[in-house]
Amino acid sequence: MAAKGKNTVTQKQKPPSKPSKLDTIHHVAIPVPNVAKAVEWYTSRFNCCVDYIDESWALLAFANTKLALVLPREHPSHFALSRPDANKFGDLITHRDGLNSVYITDPFGNSIEVLEES
C-alpha cells in the first residue's frame, strides 16, 4: 500500500512500434433522438458546418474530424476509420452519401465503420 500523498509507479508495457502511416478517424457517431434539433444545437454553439443531413442522420465537419448525429434505431453508435484497403474487412456497401464502407464489431461489442478512402 502506498503512503498517503505518494504516487505509486506501476510497470508500464512498452507500446508497440508505430506503423509508418496511422489510420485516420473519419467520424464519430453519437445517437440523438431528433437529427434536425441536434444539428441546430451543435451548429448554434460550435464552429462547424453541415456536410450532410437527412431524416435519420447528419454529418458535421469540424477542423480535425467529423461528428455524425444518428437515430439509434437507424445507425449504431460507432467511430469510422478511413482506409485504402477497407474491402479487406468485408463487402463494402455504398451509402446514400456516396461513401463505401463496412461495419465490423470489435471483441468488446463496439461498432466500427471502415470507410474506403476516396
PDB file of N, CA and C in Angstrom:
ATOM      1  N   MET A   1       0.844  -1.173   0.000  1.00  0.00           N
ATOM      2  CA  MET A   1       0.000   0.000   0.000  1.00  0.00           C
ATOM      3  C   MET A   1       0.890   1.238   0.000  1.00  0.00           C
ATOM      4  N   ALA A   2       0.559   2.189  -0.824  1.00  0.00           N
ATOM      5  CA  ALA A   2       1.364   3.406  -0.940  1.00  0.00           C
ATOM      6  C   ALA A   2       1.084   4.330   0.239  1.00  0.00           C
ATOM      7  N   ALA A   3       2.106   5.069   0.620  1.00  0.00           N
ATOM      8  CA  ALA A   3       1.943   6.046   1.689  1.00  0.00           C
ATOM      9  C   ALA A   3       1.062   7.173   1.195  1.00  0.00           C
ATOM     10  N   LYS A   4       0.313   7.767   2.121  1.00  0.00           N
ATOM     11  CA  LYS A   4      -0.580   8.864   1.765  1.00  0.00           C
ATOM     12  C   LYS A   4       0.210   9.996   1.114  1.00  0.00           C
ATOM     13  N   GLY A   5      -0.300  10.477  -0.025  1.00  0.00           N
ATOM     14  CA  GLY A   5       0.347  11.575  -0.714  1.00  0.00           C
ATOM     15  C   GLY A   5       1.468  11.153  -1.648  1.00  0.00           C
ATOM     16  N   LYS A   6       1.838   9.903  -1.657  1.00  0.00           N
ATOM     17  CA  LYS A   6       2.908   9.419  -2.531  1.00  0.00           C
ATOM     18  C   LYS A   6       2.281   8.773  -3.763  1.00  0.00           C
ATOM     19  N   ASN A   7       2.873   8.981  -4.897  1.00  0.00           N
ATOM     20  CA  ASN A   7       2.426   8.333  -6.122  1.00  0.00           C
ATOM     21  C   ASN A   7       3.034   6.950  -6.192  1.00  0.00           C
ATOM     22  N   THR A   8       2.251   6.004  -6.657  1.00  0.00           N
ATOM     23  CA  THR A   8       2.794   4.677  -6.879  1.00  0.00           C
ATOM     24  C   THR A   8       3.132   4.553  -8.346  1.00  0.00           C
ATOM     25  N   VAL A   9       4.197   3.852  -8.633  1.00  0.00           N
ATOM     26  CA  VAL A   9       4.623   3.651 -10.006  1.00  0.00           C
ATOM     27  C   VAL A   9       4.332   2.214 -10.371  1.00  0.00           C
ATOM     28  N   THR A  10       3.639   2.034 -11.466  1.00  0.00           N
ATOM     29  CA  THR A  10       3.387   0.684 -11.952  1.00  0.00           C
ATOM     30  C   THR A  10       4.236   0.453 -13.183  1.00  0.00           C
ATOM     31  N   GLN A  11       4.559  -0.779 -13.401  1.00  0.00           N
ATOM     32  CA  GLN A  11       5.363  -1.151 -14.557  1.00  0.00           C
ATOM     33  C   GLN A  11       4.513  -0.990 -15.813  1.00  0.00           C
ATOM     34  N   LYS A  12       4.938  -0.146 -16.722  1.00  0.00           N
ATOM     35  CA  LYS A  12       4.205   0.061 -17.965  1.00  0.00           C
ATOM     36  C   LYS A  12       4.779  -0.833 -19.041  1.00  0.00           C
ATOM     37  N   GLN A  13       3.868  -1.307 -19.895  1.00  0.00           N
ATOM     38  CA  GLN A  13       4.324  -2.089 -21.035  1.00  0.00           C
ATOM     39  C   GLN A  13       4.829  -1.135 -22.097  1.00  0.00           C
ATOM     40  N   LYS A  14       5.866  -1.551 -22.783  1.00  0.00           N
ATOM     41  CA  LYS A  14       6.388  -0.753 -23.885  1.00  0.00           C
ATOM     42  C   LYS A  14       5.358  -0.785 -25.013  1.00  0.00           C
ATOM     43  N   PRO A  15       4.985   0.406 -25.531  1.00  0.00           N
ATOM     44  CA  PRO A  15       3.995   0.414 -26.617  1.00  0.00           C
ATOM     45  C   PRO A  15       4.565  -0.247 -27.861  1.00  0.00           C
ATOM     46  N   PRO A  16       3.681  -0.863 -28.650  1.00  0.00           N
ATOM     47  CA  PRO A  16       4.168  -1.464 -29.903  1.00  0.00           C
ATOM     48  C   PRO A  16       4.695  -0.363 -30.822  1.00  0.00           C
ATOM     49  N   SER A  17       5.564  -0.742 -31.730  1.00  0.00           N
ATOM     50  CA  SER A  17       6.113   0.255 -32.654  1.00  0.00           C
ATOM     51  C   SER A  17       4.992   0.782 -33.544  1.00  0.00           C
ATOM     52  N   LYS A  18       5.105   2.056 -33.917  1.00  0.00           N
ATOM     53  CA  LYS A  18       4.070   2.693 -34.722  1.00  0.00           C
ATOM     54  C   LYS A  18       4.219   2.299 -36.181  1.00  0.00           C
ATOM     55  N   PRO A  19       3.072   2.063 -36.854  1.00  0.00           N
ATOM     56  CA  PRO A  19       3.148   1.820 -38.302  1.00  0.00           C
ATOM     57  C   PRO A  19       3.622   3.091 -38.999  1.00  0.00           C
ATOM     58  N   SER A  20       4.043   2.948 -40.232  1.00  0.00           N
ATOM     59  CA  SER A  20       4.561   4.110 -40.964  1.00  0.00           C
ATOM     60  C   SER A  20       3.489   5.176 -41.186  1.00  0.00           C
ATOM     61  N   LYS A  21       2.238   4.763 -41.330  1.00  0.00           N
ATOM     62  CA  LYS A  21       1.143   5.724 -41.506  1.00  0.00           C
ATOM     63  C   LYS A  21       0.002   5.309 -40.588  1.00  0.00           C
ATOM     64  N   LEU A  22      -0.417   6.224 -39.729  1.00  0.00           N
ATOM     65  CA  LEU A  22      -1.521   5.936 -38.823  1.00  0.00           C
ATOM     66  C   LEU A  22      -2.851   6.067 -39.549  1.00  0.00           C
ATOM     67  N   ASP A  23      -3.835   5.269 -39.129  1.00  0.00           N
ATOM     68  CA  ASP A  23      -5.169   5.376 -39.699  1.00  0.00           C
ATOM     69  C   ASP A  23      -5.798   6.708 -39.311  1.00  0.00           C
ATOM     70  N   THR A  24      -6.742   7.158 -40.122  1.00  0.00           N
ATOM     71  CA  THR A  24      -7.440   8.412 -39.894  1.00  0.00           C
ATOM     72  C   THR A  24      -8.848   8.126 -39.402  1.00  0.00           C
ATOM     73  N   ILE A  25      -9.222   8.781 -38.304  1.00  0.00           N
ATOM     74  CA  ILE A  25     -10.619   8.691 -37.863  1.00  0.00           C
ATOM     75  C   ILE A  25     -11.412   9.672 -38.722  1.00  0.00           C
ATOM     76  N   HIS A  26     -12.373   9.131 -39.445  1.00  0.00           N
ATOM     77  CA  HIS A  26     -13.206   9.948 -40.331  1.00  0.00           C
ATOM     78  C   HIS A  26     -14.300  10.652 -39.542  1.00  0.00           C
ATOM     79  N   HIS A  27     -14.972   9.901 -38.658  1.00  0.00           N
ATOM     80  CA  HIS A  27     -16.014  10.495 -37.830  1.00  0.00           C
ATOM     81  C   HIS A  27     -16.312   9.622 -36.625  1.00  0.00           C
ATOM     82  N   VAL A  28     -16.993  10.231 -35.675  1.00  0.00           N
ATOM     83  CA  VAL A  28     -17.535   9.543 -34.509  1.00  0.00           C
ATOM     84  C   VAL A  28     -19.040   9.749 -34.578  1.00  0.00           C
ATOM     85  N   ALA A  29     -19.811   8.696 -34.359  1.00  0.00           N
ATOM     86  CA  ALA A  29     -21.268   8.785 -34.437  1.00  0.00           C
ATOM     87  C   ALA A  29     -21.880   8.637 -33.055  1.00  0.00           C
ATOM     88  N   ILE A  30     -22.742   9.591 -32.718  1.00  0.00           N
ATOM     89  CA  ILE A  30     -23.438   9.533 -31.435  1.00  0.00           C
ATOM     90  C   ILE A  30     -24.940   9.535 -31.683  1.00  0.00           C
ATOM     91  N   PRO A  31     -25.695   8.822 -30.843  1.00  0.00           N
ATOM     92  CA  PRO A  31     -27.145   8.775 -31.029  1.00  0.00           C
ATOM     93  C   PRO A  31     -27.828  10.035 -30.502  1.00  0.00           C
ATOM     94  N   VAL A  32     -28.832  10.491 -31.249  1.00  0.00           N
ATOM     95  CA  VAL A  32     -29.673  11.622 -30.853  1.00  0.00           C
ATOM     96  C   VAL A  32     -31.120  11.258 -31.176  1.00  0.00           C
ATOM     97  N   PRO A  33     -32.082  11.774 -30.408  1.00  0.00           N
ATOM     98  CA  PRO A  33     -33.481  11.426 -30.687  1.00  0.00           C
ATOM     99  C   PRO A  33     -34.079  12.192 -31.868  1.00  0.00           C
ATOM    100  N   ASN A  34     -33.486  13.349 -32.227  1.00  0.00           N
ATOM    101  CA  ASN A  34     -34.013  14.168 -33.308  1.00  0.00           C
ATOM    102  C   ASN A  34     -32.828  14.804 -34.035  1.00  0.00           C
ATOM    103  N   VAL A  35     -32.601  14.390 -35.262  1.00  0.00           N
ATOM    104  CA  VAL A  35     -31.436  14.852 -36.024  1.00  0.00           C
ATOM    105  C   VAL A  35     -31.482  16.353 -36.274  1.00  0.00           C
ATOM    106  N   ALA A  36     -32.595  16.882 -36.722  1.00  0.00           N
ATOM    107  CA  ALA A  36     -32.699  18.313 -37.041  1.00  0.00           C
ATOM    108  C   ALA A  36     -32.442  19.174 -35.805  1.00  0.00           C
ATOM    109  N   LYS A  37     -33.025  18.801 -34.674  1.00  0.00           N
ATOM    110  CA  LYS A  37     -32.807  19.564 -33.439  1.00  0.00           C
ATOM    111  C   LYS A  37     -31.352  19.469 -32.995  1.00  0.00           C
ATOM    112  N   ALA A  38     -30.745  18.298 -33.157  1.00  0.00           N
ATOM    113  CA  ALA A  38     -29.346  18.124 -32.774  1.00  0.00           C
ATOM    114  C   ALA A  38     -28.431  18.972 -33.661  1.00  0.00           C
ATOM    115  N   VAL A  39     -28.707  19.009 -34.956  1.00  0.00           N
ATOM    116  CA  VAL A  39     -27.914  19.827 -35.869  1.00  0.00           C
ATOM    117  C   VAL A  39     -28.022  21.296 -35.470  1.00  0.00           C
ATOM    118  N   GLU A  40     -29.223  21.744 -35.172  1.00  0.00           N
ATOM    119  CA  GLU A  40     -29.414  23.137 -34.755  1.00  0.00           C
ATOM    120  C   GLU A  40     -28.624  23.418 -33.479  1.00  0.00           C
ATOM    121  N   TRP A  41     -28.675  22.516 -32.515  1.00  0.00           N
ATOM    122  CA  TRP A  41     -27.969  22.712 -31.239  1.00  0.00           C
ATOM    123  C   TRP A  41     -26.462  22.799 -31.464  1.00  0.00           C
ATOM    124  N   TYR A  42     -25.894  21.843 -32.189  1.00  0.00           N
ATOM    125  CA  TYR A  42     -24.442  21.828 -32.396  1.00  0.00           C
ATOM    126  C   TYR A  42     -23.965  23.015 -33.234  1.00  0.00           C
ATOM    127  N   THR A  43     -24.666  23.315 -34.308  1.00  0.00           N
ATOM    128  CA  THR A  43     -24.204  24.392 -35.191  1.00  0.00           C
ATOM    129  C   THR A  43     -24.401  25.778 -34.582  1.00  0.00           C
ATOM    130  N   SER A  44     -25.318  25.905 -33.636  1.00  0.00           N
ATOM    131  CA  SER A  44     -25.522  27.217 -32.993  1.00  0.00           C
ATOM    132  C   SER A  44     -24.517  27.465 -31.866  1.00  0.00           C
ATOM    133  N   ARG A  45     -23.808  26.425 -31.433  1.00  0.00           N
ATOM    134  CA  ARG A  45     -22.876  26.572 -30.323  1.00  0.00           C
ATOM    135  C   ARG A  45     -21.406  26.386 -30.688  1.00  0.00           C
ATOM    136  N   PHE A  46     -21.153  25.666 -31.761  1.00  0.00           N
ATOM    137  CA  PHE A  46     -19.785  25.329 -32.132  1.00  0.00           C
ATOM    138  C   PHE A  46     -19.505  25.743 -33.565  1.00  0.00           C
ATOM    139  N   ASN A  47     -18.235  25.964 -33.879  1.00  0.00           N
ATOM    140  CA  ASN A  47     -17.816  26.322 -35.231  1.00  0.00           C
ATOM    141  C   ASN A  47     -17.672  25.049 -36.053  1.00  0.00           C
ATOM    142  N   CYS A  48     -18.739  24.694 -36.707  1.00  0.00           N
ATOM    143  CA  CYS A  48     -18.775  23.502 -37.547  1.00  0.00           C
ATOM    144  C   CYS A  48     -19.744  23.761 -38.689  1.00  0.00           C
ATOM    145  N   CYS A  49     -19.720  22.893 -39.683  1.00  0.00           N
ATOM    146  CA  CYS A  49     -20.667  23.041 -40.782  1.00  0.00           C
ATOM    147  C   CYS A  49     -21.278  21.687 -41.113  1.00  0.00           C
ATOM    148  N   VAL A  50     -22.424  21.734 -41.750  1.00  0.00           N
ATOM    149  CA  VAL A  50     -23.161  20.523 -42.106  1.00  0.00           C
ATOM    150  C   VAL A  50     -22.650  20.014 -43.446  1.00  0.00           C
ATOM    151  N   ASP A  51     -22.093  18.800 -43.437  1.00  0.00           N
ATOM    152  CA  ASP A  51     -21.654  18.148 -44.674  1.00  0.00           C
ATOM    153  C   ASP A  51     -22.803  17.379 -45.326  1.00  0.00           C
ATOM    154  N   TYR A  52     -23.693  16.834 -44.480  1.00  0.00           N
ATOM    155  CA  TYR A  52     -24.793  16.012 -44.979  1.00  0.00           C
ATOM    156  C   TYR A  52     -25.889  16.002 -43.922  1.00  0.00           C
ATOM    157  N   ILE A  53     -27.137  15.965 -44.380  1.00  0.00           N
ATOM    158  CA  ILE A  53     -28.252  15.816 -43.442  1.00  0.00           C
ATOM    159  C   ILE A  53     -29.427  15.172 -44.159  1.00  0.00           C
ATOM    160  N   ASP A  54     -30.097  14.261 -43.453  1.00  0.00           N
ATOM    161  CA  ASP A  54     -31.392  13.744 -43.873  1.00  0.00           C
ATOM    162  C   ASP A  54     -32.180  13.444 -42.600  1.00  0.00           C
ATOM    163  N   GLU A  55     -33.271  12.729 -42.704  1.00  0.00           N
ATOM    164  CA  GLU A  55     -34.128  12.496 -41.544  1.00  0.00           C
ATOM    165  C   GLU A  55     -33.486  11.608 -40.479  1.00  0.00           C
ATOM    166  N   SER A  56     -32.563  10.729 -40.876  1.00  0.00           N
ATOM    167  CA  SER A  56     -32.040   9.770 -39.911  1.00  0.00           C
ATOM    168  C   SER A  56     -30.599   9.997 -39.473  1.00  0.00           C
ATOM    169  N   TRP A  57     -29.889  10.897 -40.166  1.00  0.00           N
ATOM    170  CA  TRP A  57     -28.533  11.212 -39.698  1.00  0.00           C
ATOM    171  C   TRP A  57     -27.994  12.467 -40.358  1.00  0.00           C
ATOM    172  N   ALA A  58     -27.004  13.041 -39.694  1.00  0.00           N
ATOM    173  CA  ALA A  58     -26.327  14.229 -40.215  1.00  0.00           C
ATOM    174  C   ALA A  58     -24.840  14.075 -39.955  1.00  0.00           C
ATOM    175  N   LEU A  59     -24.042  14.737 -40.787  1.00  0.00           N
ATOM    176  CA  LEU A  59     -22.592  14.712 -40.630  1.00  0.00           C
ATOM    177  C   LEU A  59     -22.115  16.152 -40.511  1.00  0.00           C
ATOM    178  N   LEU A  60     -21.517  16.469 -39.356  1.00  0.00           N
ATOM    179  CA  LEU A  60     -20.991  17.809 -39.094  1.00  0.00           C
ATOM    180  C   LEU A  60     -19.480  17.781 -39.227  1.00  0.00           C
ATOM    181  N   ALA A  61     -18.933  18.757 -39.934  1.00  0.00           N
ATOM    182  CA  ALA A  61     -17.486  18.851 -40.114  1.00  0.00           C
ATOM    183  C   ALA A  61     -16.902  19.840 -39.120  1.00  0.00           C
ATOM    184  N   PHE A  62     -15.871  19.385 -38.414  1.00  0.00           N
ATOM    185  CA  PHE A  62     -15.075  20.227 -37.534  1.00  0.00           C
ATOM    186  C   PHE A  62     -13.684  20.324 -38.160  1.00  0.00           C
ATOM    187  N   ALA A  63     -12.790  21.078 -37.576  1.00  0.00           N
ATOM    188  CA  ALA A  63     -11.459  21.268 -38.153  1.00  0.00           C
ATOM    189  C   ALA A  63     -10.672  19.976 -38.279  1.00  0.00           C
ATOM    190  N   ASN A  64     -10.820  19.074 -37.315  1.00  0.00           N
ATOM    191  CA  ASN A  64      -9.962  17.893 -37.297  1.00  0.00           C
ATOM    192  C   ASN A  64     -10.678  16.569 -37.509  1.00  0.00           C
ATOM    193  N   THR A  65     -11.999  16.543 -37.484  1.00  0.00           N
ATOM    194  CA  THR A  65     -12.742  15.305 -37.709  1.00  0.00           C
ATOM    195  C   THR A  65     -14.199  15.659 -37.953  1.00  0.00           C
ATOM    196  N   LYS A  66     -15.029  14.651 -38.043  1.00  0.00           N
ATOM    197  CA  LYS A  66     -16.456  14.867 -38.269  1.00  0.00           C
ATOM    198  C   LYS A  66     -17.251  14.185 -37.170  1.00  0.00           C
ATOM    199  N   LEU A  67     -18.454  14.684 -36.953  1.00  0.00           N
ATOM    200  CA  LEU A  67     -19.366  14.137 -35.957  1.00  0.00           C
ATOM    201  C   LEU A  67     -20.647  13.750 -36.671  1.00  0.00           C
ATOM    202  N   ALA A  68     -21.023  12.490 -36.559  1.00  0.00           N
ATOM    203  CA  ALA A  68     -22.285  12.022 -37.123  1.00  0.00           C
ATOM    204  C   ALA A  68     -23.319  12.001 -36.007  1.00  0.00           C
ATOM    205  N   LEU A  69     -24.481  12.553 -36.296  1.00  0.00           N
ATOM    206  CA  LEU A  69     -25.615  12.536 -35.378  1.00  0.00           C
ATOM    207  C   LEU A  69     -26.609  11.541 -35.962  1.00  0.00           C
ATOM    208  N   VAL A  70     -26.853  10.453 -35.252  1.00  0.00           N
ATOM    209  CA  VAL A  70     -27.623   9.348 -35.814  1.00  0.00           C
ATOM    210  C   VAL A  70     -28.825   8.993 -34.944  1.00  0.00           C
ATOM    211  N   LEU A  71     -29.888   8.531 -35.591  1.00  0.00           N
ATOM    212  CA  LEU A  71     -31.012   7.979 -34.845  1.00  0.00           C
ATOM    213  C   LEU A  71     -30.619   6.579 -34.389  1.00  0.00           C
ATOM    214  N   PRO A  72     -30.827   6.264 -33.121  1.00  0.00           N
ATOM    215  CA  PRO A  72     -30.390   4.963 -32.600  1.00  0.00           C
ATOM    216  C   PRO A  72     -30.977   3.762 -33.348  1.00  0.00           C
ATOM    217  N   ARG A  73     -32.211   3.878 -33.812  1.00  0.00           N
ATOM    218  CA  ARG A  73     -32.839   2.729 -34.493  1.00  0.00           C
ATOM    219  C   ARG A  73     -32.328   2.555 -35.932  1.00  0.00           C
ATOM    220  N   GLU A  74     -31.666   3.579 -36.469  1.00  0.00           N
ATOM    221  CA  GLU A  74     -31.195   3.548 -37.850  1.00  0.00           C
ATOM    222  C   GLU A  74     -29.717   3.206 -37.988  1.00  0.00           C
ATOM    223  N   HIS A  75     -28.897   3.668 -37.029  1.00  0.00           N
ATOM    224  CA  HIS A  75     -27.450   3.505 -37.127  1.00  0.00           C
ATOM    225  C   HIS A  75     -26.888   3.177 -35.751  1.00  0.00           C
ATOM    226  N   PRO A  76     -25.878   2.329 -35.687  1.00  0.00           N
ATOM    227  CA  PRO A  76     -25.264   2.074 -34.383  1.00  0.00           C
ATOM    228  C   PRO A  76     -24.341   3.221 -33.979  1.00  0.00           C
ATOM    229  N   SER A  77     -24.169   3.392 -32.700  1.00  0.00           N
ATOM    230  CA  SER A  77     -23.144   4.299 -32.201  1.00  0.00           C
ATOM    231  C   SER A  77     -21.802   3.692 -32.612  1.00  0.00           C
ATOM    232  N   HIS A  78     -20.902   4.499 -33.172  1.00  0.00           N
ATOM    233  CA  HIS A  78     -19.655   3.939 -33.704  1.00  0.00           C
ATOM    234  C   HIS A  78     -18.625   5.030 -33.966  1.00  0.00           C
ATOM    235  N   PHE A  79     -17.433   4.604 -34.344  1.00  0.00           N
ATOM    236  CA  PHE A  79     -16.472   5.523 -34.940  1.00  0.00           C
ATOM    237  C   PHE A  79     -16.070   4.932 -36.268  1.00  0.00           C
ATOM    238  N   ALA A  80     -15.645   5.797 -37.183  1.00  0.00           N
ATOM    239  CA  ALA A  80     -15.315   5.351 -38.531  1.00  0.00           C
ATOM    240  C   ALA A  80     -13.864   5.677 -38.853  1.00  0.00           C
ATOM    241  N   LEU A  81     -13.192   4.703 -39.431  1.00  0.00           N
ATOM    242  CA  LEU A  81     -11.819   4.860 -39.899  1.00  0.00           C
ATOM    243  C   LEU A  81     -11.811   4.892 -41.409  1.00  0.00           C
ATOM    244  N   SER A  82     -10.930   5.689 -41.980  1.00  0.00           N
ATOM    245  CA  SER A  82     -10.766   5.756 -43.425  1.00  0.00           C
ATOM    246  C   SER A  82      -9.511   4.973 -43.791  1.00  0.00           C
ATOM    247  N   ARG A  83      -9.683   3.976 -44.686  1.00  0.00           N
ATOM    248  CA  ARG A  83      -8.552   3.128 -45.076  1.00  0.00           C
ATOM    249  C   ARG A  83      -8.601   2.825 -46.566  1.00  0.00           C
ATOM    250  N   PRO A  84      -7.435   2.742 -47.214  1.00  0.00           N
ATOM    251  CA  PRO A  84      -7.424   2.412 -48.644  1.00  0.00           C
ATOM    252  C   PRO A  84      -7.810   0.957 -48.899  1.00  0.00           C
ATOM    253  N   ASP A  85      -7.668   0.113 -47.876  1.00  0.00           N
ATOM    254  CA  ASP A  85      -7.962  -1.321 -48.026  1.00  0.00           C
ATOM    255  C   ASP A  85      -9.202  -1.728 -47.232  1.00  0.00           C
ATOM    256  N   ALA A  86     -10.200  -0.848 -47.183  1.00  0.00           N
ATOM    257  CA  ALA A  86     -11.407  -1.115 -46.400  1.00  0.00           C
ATOM    258  C   ALA A  86     -12.066  -2.428 -46.788  1.00  0.00           C
ATOM    259  N   ASN A  87     -11.970  -2.814 -48.056  1.00  0.00           N
ATOM    260  CA  ASN A  87     -12.616  -4.043 -48.516  1.00  0.00           C
ATOM    261  C   ASN A  87     -12.036  -5.308 -47.893  1.00  0.00           C
ATOM    262  N   LYS A  88     -10.866  -5.226 -47.280  1.00  0.00           N
ATOM    263  CA  LYS A  88     -10.313  -6.419 -46.627  1.00  0.00           C
ATOM    264  C   LYS A  88     -11.070  -6.752 -45.334  1.00  0.00           C
ATOM    265  N   PHE A  89     -11.915  -5.809 -44.870  1.00  0.00           N
ATOM    266  CA  PHE A  89     -12.698  -6.031 -43.653  1.00  0.00           C
ATOM    267  C   PHE A  89     -14.077  -6.607 -43.958  1.00  0.00           C
ATOM    268  N   GLY A  90     -14.428  -6.709 -45.237  1.00  0.00           N
ATOM    269  CA  GLY A  90     -15.725  -7.251 -45.629  1.00  0.00           C
ATOM    270  C   GLY A  90     -16.228  -6.565 -46.881  1.00  0.00           C
ATOM    271  N   ASP A  91     -17.416  -6.971 -47.315  1.00  0.00           N
ATOM    272  CA  ASP A  91     -18.024  -6.395 -48.510  1.00  0.00           C
ATOM    273  C   ASP A  91     -18.476  -4.970 -48.234  1.00  0.00           C
ATOM    274  N   LEU A  92     -18.022  -4.047 -49.059  1.00  0.00           N
ATOM    275  CA  LEU A  92     -18.375  -2.637 -48.898  1.00  0.00           C
ATOM    276  C   LEU A  92     -19.771  -2.367 -49.441  1.00  0.00           C
ATOM    277  N   ILE A  93     -20.483  -1.509 -48.752  1.00  0.00           N
ATOM    278  CA  ILE A  93     -21.819  -1.086 -49.164  1.00  0.00           C
ATOM    279  C   ILE A  93     -21.756   0.404 -49.462  1.00  0.00           C
ATOM    280  N   THR A  94     -22.362   0.817 -50.577  1.00  0.00           N
ATOM    281  CA  THR A  94     -22.430   2.237 -50.907  1.00  0.00           C
ATOM    282  C   THR A  94     -23.623   2.837 -50.171  1.00  0.00           C
ATOM    283  N   HIS A  95     -23.347   3.873 -49.390  1.00  0.00           N
ATOM    284  CA  HIS A  95     -24.391   4.529 -48.614  1.00  0.00           C
ATOM    285  C   HIS A  95     -24.949   5.714 -49.382  1.00  0.00           C
ATOM    286  N   ARG A  96     -26.055   6.253 -48.906  1.00  0.00           N
ATOM    287  CA  ARG A  96     -26.740   7.343 -49.611  1.00  0.00           C
ATOM    288  C   ARG A  96     -25.904   8.609 -49.731  1.00  0.00           C
ATOM    289  N   ASP A  97     -24.858   8.753 -48.884  1.00  0.00           N
ATOM    290  CA  ASP A  97     -23.985   9.923 -49.011  1.00  0.00           C
ATOM    291  C   ASP A  97     -22.845   9.675 -49.990  1.00  0.00           C
ATOM    292  N   GLY A  98     -22.827   8.482 -50.623  1.00  0.00           N
ATOM    293  CA  GLY A  98     -21.825   8.167 -51.628  1.00  0.00           C
ATOM    294  C   GLY A  98     -20.585   7.468 -51.101  1.00  0.00           C
ATOM    295  N   LEU A  99     -20.448   7.337 -49.783  1.00  0.00           N
ATOM    296  CA  LEU A  99     -19.291   6.646 -49.218  1.00  0.00           C
ATOM    297  C   LEU A  99     -19.491   5.144 -49.248  1.00  0.00           C
ATOM    298  N   ASN A 100     -18.391   4.412 -49.409  1.00  0.00           N
ATOM    299  CA  ASN A 100     -18.419   2.953 -49.370  1.00  0.00           C
ATOM    300  C   ASN A 100     -17.788   2.505 -48.060  1.00  0.00           C
ATOM    301  N   SER A 101     -18.483   1.614 -47.343  1.00  0.00           N
ATOM    302  CA  SER A 101     -17.946   1.173 -46.064  1.00  0.00           C
ATOM    303  C   SER A 101     -18.515  -0.173 -45.654  1.00  0.00           C
ATOM    304  N   VAL A 102     -17.931  -0.695 -44.589  1.00  0.00           N
ATOM    305  CA  VAL A 102     -18.408  -1.921 -43.967  1.00  0.00           C
ATOM    306  C   VAL A 102     -18.347  -1.713 -42.458  1.00  0.00           C
ATOM    307  N   TYR A 103     -19.334  -2.247 -41.752  1.00  0.00           N
ATOM    308  CA  TYR A 103     -19.332  -2.197 -40.293  1.00  0.00           C
ATOM    309  C   TYR A 103     -18.762  -3.503 -39.765  1.00  0.00           C
ATOM    310  N   ILE A 104     -17.888  -3.382 -38.770  1.00  0.00           N
ATOM    311  CA  ILE A 104     -17.367  -4.545 -38.070  1.00  0.00           C
ATOM    312  C   ILE A 104     -17.573  -4.304 -36.575  1.00  0.00           C
ATOM    313  N   THR A 105     -17.377  -5.339 -35.790  1.00  0.00           N
ATOM    314  CA  THR A 105     -17.513  -5.225 -34.342  1.00  0.00           C
ATOM    315  C   THR A 105     -16.230  -5.707 -33.696  1.00  0.00           C
ATOM    316  N   ASP A 106     -15.745  -4.941 -32.726  1.00  0.00           N
ATOM    317  CA  ASP A 106     -14.554  -5.374 -32.009  1.00  0.00           C
ATOM    318  C   ASP A 106     -14.937  -6.460 -30.998  1.00  0.00           C
ATOM    319  N   PRO A 107     -13.965  -7.117 -30.366  1.00  0.00           N
ATOM    320  CA  PRO A 107     -14.280  -8.197 -29.433  1.00  0.00           C
ATOM    321  C   PRO A 107     -15.096  -7.747 -28.216  1.00  0.00           C
ATOM    322  N   PHE A 108     -15.272  -6.433 -28.038  1.00  0.00           N
ATOM    323  CA  PHE A 108     -15.960  -5.913 -26.870  1.00  0.00           C
ATOM    324  C   PHE A 108     -17.359  -5.397 -27.202  1.00  0.00           C
ATOM    325  N   GLY A 109     -17.788  -5.614 -28.458  1.00  0.00           N
ATOM    326  CA  GLY A 109     -19.130  -5.239 -28.875  1.00  0.00           C
ATOM    327  C   GLY A 109     -19.273  -3.848 -29.452  1.00  0.00           C
ATOM    328  N   ASN A 110     -18.166  -3.130 -29.644  1.00  0.00           N
ATOM    329  CA  ASN A 110     -18.215  -1.776 -30.212  1.00  0.00           C
ATOM    330  C   ASN A 110     -18.255  -1.838 -31.734  1.00  0.00           C
ATOM    331  N   SER A 111     -19.096  -1.012 -32.336  1.00  0.00           N
ATOM    332  CA  SER A 111     -19.200  -0.952 -33.788  1.00  0.00           C
ATOM    333  C   SER A 111     -18.136  -0.012 -34.356  1.00  0.00           C
ATOM    334  N   ILE A 112     -17.518  -0.459 -35.438  1.00  0.00           N
ATOM    335  CA  ILE A 112     -16.516   0.328 -36.144  1.00  0.00           C
ATOM    336  C   ILE A 112     -16.905   0.309 -37.620  1.00  0.00           C
ATOM    337  N   GLU A 113     -16.942   1.478 -38.217  1.00  0.00           N
ATOM    338  CA  GLU A 113     -17.196   1.566 -39.645  1.00  0.00           C
ATOM    339  C   GLU A 113     -15.854   1.776 -40.331  1.00  0.00           C
ATOM    340  N   VAL A 114     -15.567   0.949 -41.324  1.00  0.00           N
ATOM    341  CA  VAL A 114     -14.309   1.098 -42.082  1.00  0.00           C
ATOM    342  C   VAL A 114     -14.685   1.630 -43.453  1.00  0.00           C
ATOM    343  N   LEU A 115     -14.257   2.887 -43.725  1.00  0.00           N
ATOM    344  CA  LEU A 115     -14.593   3.579 -44.962  1.00  0.00           C
ATOM    345  C   LEU A 115     -13.495   3.420 -45.998  1.00  0.00           C
ATOM    346  N   GLU A 116     -13.913   3.313 -47.235  1.00  0.00           N
ATOM    347  CA  GLU A 116     -12.956   3.295 -48.329  1.00  0.00           C
ATOM    348  C   GLU A 116     -12.499   4.727 -48.598  1.00  0.00           C
ATOM    349  N   GLU A 117     -11.188   4.943 -48.643  1.00  0.00           N
ATOM    350  CA  GLU A 117     -10.684   6.278 -48.962  1.00  0.00           C
ATOM    351  C   GLU A 117     -11.043   6.616 -50.385  1.00  0.00           C
ATOM    352  N   SER A 118     -11.419   7.878 -50.584  1.00  0.00           N
ATOM    353  CA  SER A 118     -11.797   8.270 -51.953  1.00  0.00           C
ATOM    354  C   SER A 118     -10.735   9.125 -52.584  1.00  0.00           C
TER     355      SER A 118
END
